[in-house]
Amino acid sequence: MTREDKILLAIEKGFTYNAEKGIIYGVRGQEIVSTKRGYIKLQLHKNCKKYELQGHCFAWYVIHKEIVEQIDHINCIKTDNRICNLRVVTKQQNQWNKKGIKGYYFNKNRNKYQAVLKVNNKQIYLGLFNTEKEASDAYLEGKKIYHII
């Protein structure tokens, strides 16, 4: 079943969405709070089969009537499905939210820290640095310049 099929099934079953509050309501009017990997999850049943649908995909479709590849939560809170907090991004742009990515490494050949980042599958060299802190700072500054959404 495609994502659009799942969304249409959810609408048919009576799921609703409040765009201002970001709340999805189930068939009995109860707020959907079930999550999977941190995202609101809708559970659907058809012909004795169970399907799951992410809440933000449902919300986007209800308002914009379109299926998109990636939807980003602007404030990085996975359960905040207010329409003002959702935006269409590329897969790469969505990866920029990942935590724990340093953006630098120790270059053994140069005996220095090297900062890099990727944009459109191209690596951008940000420089060599004497300290880990300098490399980290360069990466964070590079993100401000290149990772604009």
N, C-alpha and C. Protein backbone atom coordinates (compact mmCIF):
# COMPACT_ATOMS: atom_id res chain seq x y z
N MET A 1 0.85 -1.18 0.00
CA MET A 1 0.00 0.00 0.00
C MET A 1 0.89 1.23 0.00
N THR A 2 0.64 2.17 -0.89
CA THR A 2 1.45 3.38 -0.98
C THR A 2 1.13 4.32 0.18
N ARG A 3 1.97 5.29 0.36
CA ARG A 3 1.73 6.28 1.41
C ARG A 3 0.42 7.02 1.15
N GLU A 4 0.17 7.37 -0.11
CA GLU A 4 -1.07 8.07 -0.43
C GLU A 4 -2.29 7.19 -0.14
N ASP A 5 -2.18 5.89 -0.46
CA ASP A 5 -3.27 4.96 -0.14
C ASP A 5 -3.54 4.93 1.37
N LYS A 6 -2.48 4.93 2.15
CA LYS A 6 -2.63 4.91 3.61
C LYS A 6 -3.30 6.20 4.11
N ILE A 7 -2.88 7.33 3.54
CA ILE A 7 -3.46 8.62 3.94
C ILE A 7 -4.94 8.66 3.59
N LEU A 8 -5.28 8.23 2.38
CA LEU A 8 -6.68 8.23 1.96
C LEU A 8 -7.51 7.28 2.82
N LEU A 9 -6.92 6.16 3.21
CA LEU A 9 -7.59 5.22 4.11
C LEU A 9 -7.85 5.88 5.47
N ALA A 10 -6.85 6.59 5.98
CA ALA A 10 -6.99 7.28 7.27
C ALA A 10 -8.11 8.31 7.20
N ILE A 11 -8.17 9.06 6.11
CA ILE A 11 -9.23 10.06 5.94
C ILE A 11 -10.59 9.36 5.86
N GLU A 12 -10.64 8.29 5.09
CA GLU A 12 -11.88 7.52 4.93
C GLU A 12 -12.36 6.96 6.28
N LYS A 13 -11.42 6.52 7.12
CA LYS A 13 -11.77 5.94 8.42
C LYS A 13 -12.22 7.01 9.42
N GLY A 14 -11.88 8.29 9.13
CA GLY A 14 -12.34 9.36 10.01
C GLY A 14 -11.25 10.05 10.83
N PHE A 15 -9.98 9.81 10.52
CA PHE A 15 -8.91 10.54 11.19
C PHE A 15 -8.99 12.00 10.76
N THR A 16 -8.72 12.90 11.71
CA THR A 16 -8.75 14.34 11.41
C THR A 16 -7.49 15.00 11.96
N TYR A 17 -7.26 16.23 11.52
CA TYR A 17 -6.04 16.94 11.89
C TYR A 17 -6.36 18.39 12.20
N ASN A 18 -5.81 18.88 13.33
CA ASN A 18 -5.92 20.28 13.70
C ASN A 18 -4.56 20.92 13.40
N ALA A 19 -4.49 21.73 12.34
CA ALA A 19 -3.23 22.30 11.87
C ALA A 19 -2.60 23.27 12.85
N GLU A 20 -3.43 24.02 13.57
CA GLU A 20 -2.91 25.02 14.51
C GLU A 20 -2.26 24.36 15.71
N LYS A 21 -2.89 23.32 16.23
CA LYS A 21 -2.36 22.62 17.40
C LYS A 21 -1.42 21.49 17.04
N GLY A 22 -1.50 21.03 15.79
CA GLY A 22 -0.66 19.92 15.36
C GLY A 22 -1.12 18.57 15.88
N ILE A 23 -2.38 18.47 16.20
CA ILE A 23 -2.91 17.24 16.80
C ILE A 23 -3.69 16.45 15.75
N ILE A 24 -3.47 15.15 15.76
CA ILE A 24 -4.22 14.24 14.90
C ILE A 24 -5.18 13.48 15.80
N TYR A 25 -6.42 13.39 15.35
CA TYR A 25 -7.46 12.72 16.12
C TYR A 25 -7.86 11.43 15.42
N GLY A 26 -8.07 10.39 16.20
CA GLY A 26 -8.48 9.09 15.68
C GLY A 26 -9.96 9.04 15.37
N VAL A 27 -10.40 7.87 15.00
CA VAL A 27 -11.78 7.67 14.56
C VAL A 27 -12.80 7.96 15.65
N ARG A 28 -12.44 7.85 16.90
CA ARG A 28 -13.35 8.14 18.01
C ARG A 28 -13.12 9.52 18.61
N GLY A 29 -12.33 10.33 17.93
CA GLY A 29 -12.08 11.69 18.40
C GLY A 29 -10.97 11.83 19.41
N GLN A 30 -10.26 10.74 19.72
CA GLN A 30 -9.18 10.80 20.70
C GLN A 30 -7.88 11.25 20.01
N GLU A 31 -7.05 11.99 20.76
CA GLU A 31 -5.76 12.44 20.23
C GLU A 31 -4.84 11.24 20.05
N ILE A 32 -4.18 11.18 18.91
CA ILE A 32 -3.22 10.11 18.64
C ILE A 32 -1.90 10.49 19.30
N VAL A 33 -1.43 9.66 20.22
CA VAL A 33 -0.18 9.93 20.93
C VAL A 33 0.84 8.81 20.77
N SER A 34 0.43 7.74 20.11
CA SER A 34 1.32 6.60 19.88
C SER A 34 2.50 7.05 19.01
N THR A 35 3.70 6.59 19.36
CA THR A 35 4.89 6.98 18.60
C THR A 35 5.70 5.76 18.16
N LYS A 36 6.49 5.98 17.12
CA LYS A 36 7.48 5.00 16.67
C LYS A 36 8.70 5.79 16.25
N ARG A 37 9.84 5.48 16.86
CA ARG A 37 11.08 6.21 16.65
C ARG A 37 10.90 7.71 16.91
N GLY A 38 10.00 8.04 17.82
CA GLY A 38 9.78 9.42 18.22
C GLY A 38 8.72 10.16 17.44
N TYR A 39 8.26 9.62 16.32
CA TYR A 39 7.26 10.28 15.48
C TYR A 39 5.86 9.76 15.82
N ILE A 40 4.86 10.64 15.75
CA ILE A 40 3.47 10.23 15.92
C ILE A 40 3.13 9.21 14.85
N LYS A 41 2.46 8.13 15.26
CA LYS A 41 2.17 7.02 14.35
C LYS A 41 0.68 6.73 14.34
N LEU A 42 0.11 6.66 13.14
CA LEU A 42 -1.28 6.26 12.99
C LEU A 42 -1.30 4.78 12.66
N GLN A 43 -2.20 4.03 13.28
CA GLN A 43 -2.36 2.61 12.97
C GLN A 43 -3.66 2.43 12.22
N LEU A 44 -3.56 1.82 11.06
CA LEU A 44 -4.71 1.62 10.19
C LEU A 44 -4.92 0.14 9.94
N HIS A 45 -6.16 -0.25 9.72
CA HIS A 45 -6.48 -1.65 9.43
C HIS A 45 -7.39 -1.71 8.21
N LYS A 46 -7.06 -2.65 7.32
CA LYS A 46 -7.90 -2.88 6.14
C LYS A 46 -7.73 -4.32 5.71
N ASN A 47 -8.83 -5.01 5.51
CA ASN A 47 -8.81 -6.42 5.08
C ASN A 47 -7.91 -7.28 5.97
N CYS A 48 -8.05 -7.11 7.27
CA CYS A 48 -7.29 -7.87 8.27
C CYS A 48 -5.79 -7.61 8.22
N LYS A 49 -5.38 -6.54 7.57
CA LYS A 49 -3.96 -6.16 7.54
C LYS A 49 -3.78 -4.86 8.31
N LYS A 50 -2.61 -4.74 8.93
CA LYS A 50 -2.29 -3.57 9.73
C LYS A 50 -1.28 -2.71 8.98
N TYR A 51 -1.51 -1.40 8.95
CA TYR A 51 -0.61 -0.46 8.29
C TYR A 51 -0.27 0.66 9.27
N GLU A 52 0.90 1.24 9.09
CA GLU A 52 1.31 2.38 9.91
C GLU A 52 1.58 3.57 9.00
N LEU A 53 1.31 4.75 9.53
CA LEU A 53 1.50 5.99 8.79
C LEU A 53 2.04 7.04 9.74
N GLN A 54 3.06 7.76 9.32
CA GLN A 54 3.61 8.81 10.17
C GLN A 54 2.66 10.01 10.18
N GLY A 55 2.49 10.57 11.36
CA GLY A 55 1.55 11.67 11.55
C GLY A 55 1.87 12.90 10.72
N HIS A 56 3.15 13.24 10.59
CA HIS A 56 3.49 14.45 9.84
C HIS A 56 3.18 14.30 8.35
N CYS A 57 3.26 13.07 7.82
CA CYS A 57 2.89 12.84 6.41
C CYS A 57 1.39 13.03 6.22
N PHE A 58 0.61 12.54 7.18
CA PHE A 58 -0.84 12.72 7.16
C PHE A 58 -1.17 14.21 7.23
N ALA A 59 -0.54 14.91 8.17
CA ALA A 59 -0.81 16.34 8.37
C ALA A 59 -0.51 17.13 7.10
N TRP A 60 0.64 16.87 6.50
CA TRP A 60 1.03 17.60 5.29
C TRP A 60 0.00 17.39 4.18
N TYR A 61 -0.42 16.14 4.01
CA TYR A 61 -1.38 15.83 2.94
C TYR A 61 -2.73 16.50 3.19
N VAL A 62 -3.20 16.47 4.42
CA VAL A 62 -4.50 17.07 4.74
C VAL A 62 -4.51 18.55 4.36
N ILE A 63 -3.44 19.25 4.61
CA ILE A 63 -3.39 20.69 4.32
C ILE A 63 -3.02 20.98 2.87
N HIS A 64 -1.99 20.30 2.35
CA HIS A 64 -1.45 20.65 1.04
C HIS A 64 -1.90 19.74 -0.10
N LYS A 65 -2.54 18.63 0.23
CA LYS A 65 -3.02 17.67 -0.78
C LYS A 65 -1.91 17.19 -1.71
N GLU A 66 -0.74 16.94 -1.14
CA GLU A 66 0.37 16.43 -1.94
C GLU A 66 1.23 15.47 -1.12
N ILE A 67 1.82 14.51 -1.82
CA ILE A 67 2.78 13.58 -1.22
C ILE A 67 4.16 14.11 -1.55
N VAL A 68 4.99 14.27 -0.54
CA VAL A 68 6.36 14.74 -0.76
C VAL A 68 7.35 13.71 -0.21
N GLU A 69 8.56 13.75 -0.70
CA GLU A 69 9.57 12.76 -0.33
C GLU A 69 9.99 12.89 1.14
N GLN A 70 10.28 14.12 1.57
CA GLN A 70 10.77 14.34 2.94
C GLN A 70 10.07 15.55 3.56
N ILE A 71 9.73 15.41 4.83
CA ILE A 71 9.16 16.51 5.61
C ILE A 71 10.02 16.68 6.86
N ASP A 72 10.39 17.92 7.12
CA ASP A 72 11.26 18.23 8.25
C ASP A 72 10.45 18.93 9.34
N HIS A 73 10.73 18.57 10.58
CA HIS A 73 10.19 19.30 11.74
C HIS A 73 11.18 20.43 12.03
N ILE A 74 10.80 21.64 11.79
CA ILE A 74 11.71 22.79 11.88
C ILE A 74 12.37 22.88 13.25
N ASN A 75 11.61 22.67 14.32
CA ASN A 75 12.18 22.79 15.67
C ASN A 75 12.80 21.48 16.17
N CYS A 76 12.86 20.47 15.30
CA CYS A 76 13.46 19.16 15.60
C CYS A 76 12.69 18.36 16.66
N ILE A 77 11.48 18.77 16.99
CA ILE A 77 10.65 18.01 17.92
C ILE A 77 9.73 17.14 17.08
N LYS A 78 9.99 15.84 17.10
CA LYS A 78 9.32 14.91 16.19
C LYS A 78 7.82 14.80 16.40
N THR A 79 7.33 15.16 17.57
CA THR A 79 5.90 15.06 17.84
C THR A 79 5.16 16.38 17.60
N ASP A 80 5.88 17.43 17.23
CA ASP A 80 5.27 18.74 16.99
C ASP A 80 4.84 18.82 15.52
N ASN A 81 3.59 18.44 15.27
CA ASN A 81 3.09 18.38 13.90
C ASN A 81 2.24 19.59 13.51
N ARG A 82 2.45 20.73 14.17
CA ARG A 82 1.77 21.95 13.72
C ARG A 82 2.24 22.23 12.30
N ILE A 83 1.33 22.65 11.44
CA ILE A 83 1.69 22.84 10.04
C ILE A 83 2.77 23.91 9.89
N CYS A 84 2.81 24.89 10.79
CA CYS A 84 3.85 25.93 10.72
C CYS A 84 5.22 25.38 11.10
N ASN A 85 5.28 24.17 11.66
CA ASN A 85 6.55 23.55 12.05
C ASN A 85 7.03 22.52 11.02
N LEU A 86 6.27 22.32 9.97
CA LEU A 86 6.63 21.33 8.96
C LEU A 86 7.05 22.03 7.67
N ARG A 87 8.05 21.45 7.00
CA ARG A 87 8.48 21.99 5.71
C ARG A 87 9.01 20.86 4.84
N VAL A 88 8.94 21.05 3.54
CA VAL A 88 9.45 20.08 2.59
C VAL A 88 10.95 20.32 2.44
N VAL A 89 11.72 19.23 2.52
CA VAL A 89 13.17 19.31 2.36
C VAL A 89 13.64 18.14 1.49
N THR A 90 14.89 18.23 1.06
CA THR A 90 15.48 17.09 0.38
C THR A 90 15.95 16.10 1.45
N LYS A 91 16.27 14.90 1.03
CA LYS A 91 16.77 13.90 1.97
C LYS A 91 18.05 14.40 2.64
N GLN A 92 18.91 15.04 1.85
CA GLN A 92 20.16 15.56 2.41
C GLN A 92 19.89 16.65 3.44
N GLN A 93 18.99 17.58 3.14
CA GLN A 93 18.68 18.64 4.09
C GLN A 93 18.13 18.06 5.39
N ASN A 94 17.35 17.00 5.29
CA ASN A 94 16.80 16.38 6.49
C ASN A 94 17.90 15.76 7.35
N GLN A 95 18.97 15.29 6.73
CA GLN A 95 20.09 14.70 7.47
C GLN A 95 20.85 15.74 8.29
N TRP A 96 20.73 17.00 7.93
CA TRP A 96 21.45 18.05 8.65
C TRP A 96 20.98 18.17 10.10
N ASN A 97 19.83 17.62 10.42
CA ASN A 97 19.32 17.67 11.80
C ASN A 97 19.94 16.61 12.70
N LYS A 98 20.65 15.66 12.12
CA LYS A 98 21.19 14.56 12.93
C LYS A 98 22.12 15.08 14.02
N LYS A 99 21.97 14.49 15.17
CA LYS A 99 22.82 14.87 16.30
C LYS A 99 24.10 14.02 16.29
N GLY A 100 25.14 14.55 16.85
CA GLY A 100 26.36 13.78 17.02
C GLY A 100 27.29 13.77 15.81
N ILE A 101 26.96 14.49 14.76
CA ILE A 101 27.87 14.55 13.61
C ILE A 101 28.87 15.65 13.88
N LYS A 102 30.16 15.29 13.86
CA LYS A 102 31.19 16.25 14.21
C LYS A 102 31.54 17.17 13.05
N GLY A 103 31.71 16.63 11.84
CA GLY A 103 32.07 17.45 10.69
C GLY A 103 33.56 17.69 10.57
N TYR A 104 34.32 16.97 11.37
CA TYR A 104 35.77 17.09 11.28
C TYR A 104 36.39 15.77 11.72
N TYR A 105 37.66 15.59 11.39
CA TYR A 105 38.38 14.39 11.79
C TYR A 105 39.86 14.73 11.90
N PHE A 106 40.60 13.83 12.51
CA PHE A 106 42.04 14.04 12.63
C PHE A 106 42.72 13.48 11.39
N ASN A 107 43.40 14.36 10.66
CA ASN A 107 44.13 13.98 9.45
C ASN A 107 45.55 13.57 9.88
N LYS A 108 45.81 12.26 9.86
CA LYS A 108 47.11 11.74 10.34
C LYS A 108 48.26 12.21 9.48
N ASN A 109 48.04 12.32 8.17
CA ASN A 109 49.12 12.74 7.26
C ASN A 109 49.57 14.17 7.54
N ARG A 110 48.65 15.03 7.90
CA ARG A 110 48.97 16.44 8.15
C ARG A 110 49.15 16.74 9.63
N ASN A 111 48.79 15.76 10.48
CA ASN A 111 48.88 15.93 11.93
C ASN A 111 48.05 17.12 12.41
N LYS A 112 46.88 17.30 11.77
CA LYS A 112 45.98 18.39 12.12
C LYS A 112 44.54 17.89 12.00
N TYR A 113 43.62 18.67 12.53
CA TYR A 113 42.20 18.38 12.39
C TYR A 113 41.70 19.01 11.09
N GLN A 114 40.94 18.23 10.35
CA GLN A 114 40.40 18.71 9.08
C GLN A 114 38.88 18.80 9.17
N ALA A 115 38.34 19.97 8.79
CA ALA A 115 36.89 20.18 8.82
C ALA A 115 36.34 20.10 7.40
N VAL A 116 35.22 19.37 7.24
CA VAL A 116 34.58 19.21 5.94
C VAL A 116 33.06 19.15 6.15
N LEU A 117 32.32 19.44 5.09
CA LEU A 117 30.89 19.17 5.09
C LEU A 117 30.46 18.82 3.68
N LYS A 118 29.27 18.27 3.55
CA LYS A 118 28.77 17.84 2.25
C LYS A 118 27.54 18.66 1.87
N VAL A 119 27.54 19.08 0.60
CA VAL A 119 26.38 19.76 0.03
C VAL A 119 26.18 19.20 -1.36
N ASN A 120 24.98 18.72 -1.64
CA ASN A 120 24.66 18.12 -2.95
C ASN A 120 25.67 17.05 -3.34
N ASN A 121 26.00 16.19 -2.38
CA ASN A 121 26.93 15.08 -2.57
C ASN A 121 28.34 15.52 -2.94
N LYS A 122 28.67 16.77 -2.70
CA LYS A 122 30.03 17.27 -2.92
C LYS A 122 30.62 17.65 -1.57
N GLN A 123 31.84 17.19 -1.34
CA GLN A 123 32.51 17.51 -0.09
C GLN A 123 33.13 18.90 -0.20
N ILE A 124 32.89 19.71 0.80
CA ILE A 124 33.46 21.06 0.85
C ILE A 124 34.54 21.09 1.94
N TYR A 125 35.75 21.41 1.52
CA TYR A 125 36.90 21.48 2.41
C TYR A 125 36.85 22.79 3.17
N LEU A 126 36.90 22.72 4.49
CA LEU A 126 36.83 23.92 5.32
C LEU A 126 38.17 24.31 5.93
N GLY A 127 39.16 23.42 5.83
CA GLY A 127 40.49 23.77 6.32
C GLY A 127 41.08 22.78 7.30
N LEU A 128 42.36 23.03 7.60
CA LEU A 128 43.11 22.25 8.59
C LEU A 128 43.30 23.12 9.83
N PHE A 129 43.23 22.49 11.01
CA PHE A 129 43.28 23.25 12.25
C PHE A 129 44.13 22.53 13.28
N ASN A 130 44.75 23.31 14.15
CA ASN A 130 45.63 22.75 15.17
C ASN A 130 44.86 22.06 16.29
N THR A 131 43.66 22.55 16.57
CA THR A 131 42.89 21.97 17.68
C THR A 131 41.53 21.45 17.20
N GLU A 132 41.01 20.54 17.99
CA GLU A 132 39.69 19.97 17.72
C GLU A 132 38.63 21.07 17.81
N LYS A 133 38.78 21.97 18.75
CA LYS A 133 37.82 23.07 18.94
C LYS A 133 37.79 23.98 17.71
N GLU A 134 38.94 24.30 17.14
CA GLU A 134 38.98 25.15 15.95
C GLU A 134 38.28 24.47 14.77
N ALA A 135 38.51 23.17 14.62
CA ALA A 135 37.87 22.42 13.53
C ALA A 135 36.36 22.36 13.73
N SER A 136 35.94 22.14 14.96
CA SER A 136 34.52 22.10 15.28
C SER A 136 33.86 23.45 14.98
N ASP A 137 34.51 24.53 15.39
CA ASP A 137 33.98 25.87 15.15
C ASP A 137 33.88 26.15 13.65
N ALA A 138 34.87 25.73 12.89
CA ALA A 138 34.86 25.94 11.44
C ALA A 138 33.70 25.17 10.81
N TYR A 139 33.46 23.96 11.28
CA TYR A 139 32.35 23.16 10.76
C TYR A 139 31.02 23.84 11.06
N LEU A 140 30.84 24.30 12.29
CA LEU A 140 29.58 24.96 12.66
C LEU A 140 29.36 26.25 11.87
N GLU A 141 30.42 26.99 11.60
CA GLU A 141 30.30 28.19 10.76
C GLU A 141 29.97 27.81 9.32
N GLY A 142 30.59 26.74 8.83
CA GLY A 142 30.31 26.26 7.48
C GLY A 142 28.85 25.85 7.34
N LYS A 143 28.31 25.21 8.37
CA LYS A 143 26.89 24.81 8.34
C LYS A 143 25.99 26.03 8.20
N LYS A 144 26.34 27.12 8.87
CA LYS A 144 25.52 28.34 8.78
C LYS A 144 25.51 28.87 7.35
N ILE A 145 26.62 28.73 6.66
CA ILE A 145 26.74 29.26 5.30
C ILE A 145 26.09 28.33 4.28
N TYR A 146 26.40 27.03 4.34
CA TYR A 146 26.02 26.10 3.29
C TYR A 146 24.72 25.35 3.54
N HIS A 147 24.34 25.17 4.78
CA HIS A 147 23.15 24.37 5.09
C HIS A 147 21.93 25.23 5.32
N ILE A 148 21.73 26.21 4.48
CA ILE A 148 20.58 27.10 4.59
C ILE A 148 19.38 26.42 3.95
N ILE A 149 18.29 26.40 4.69
CA ILE A 149 17.05 25.78 4.16
C ILE A 149 16.04 26.89 3.94
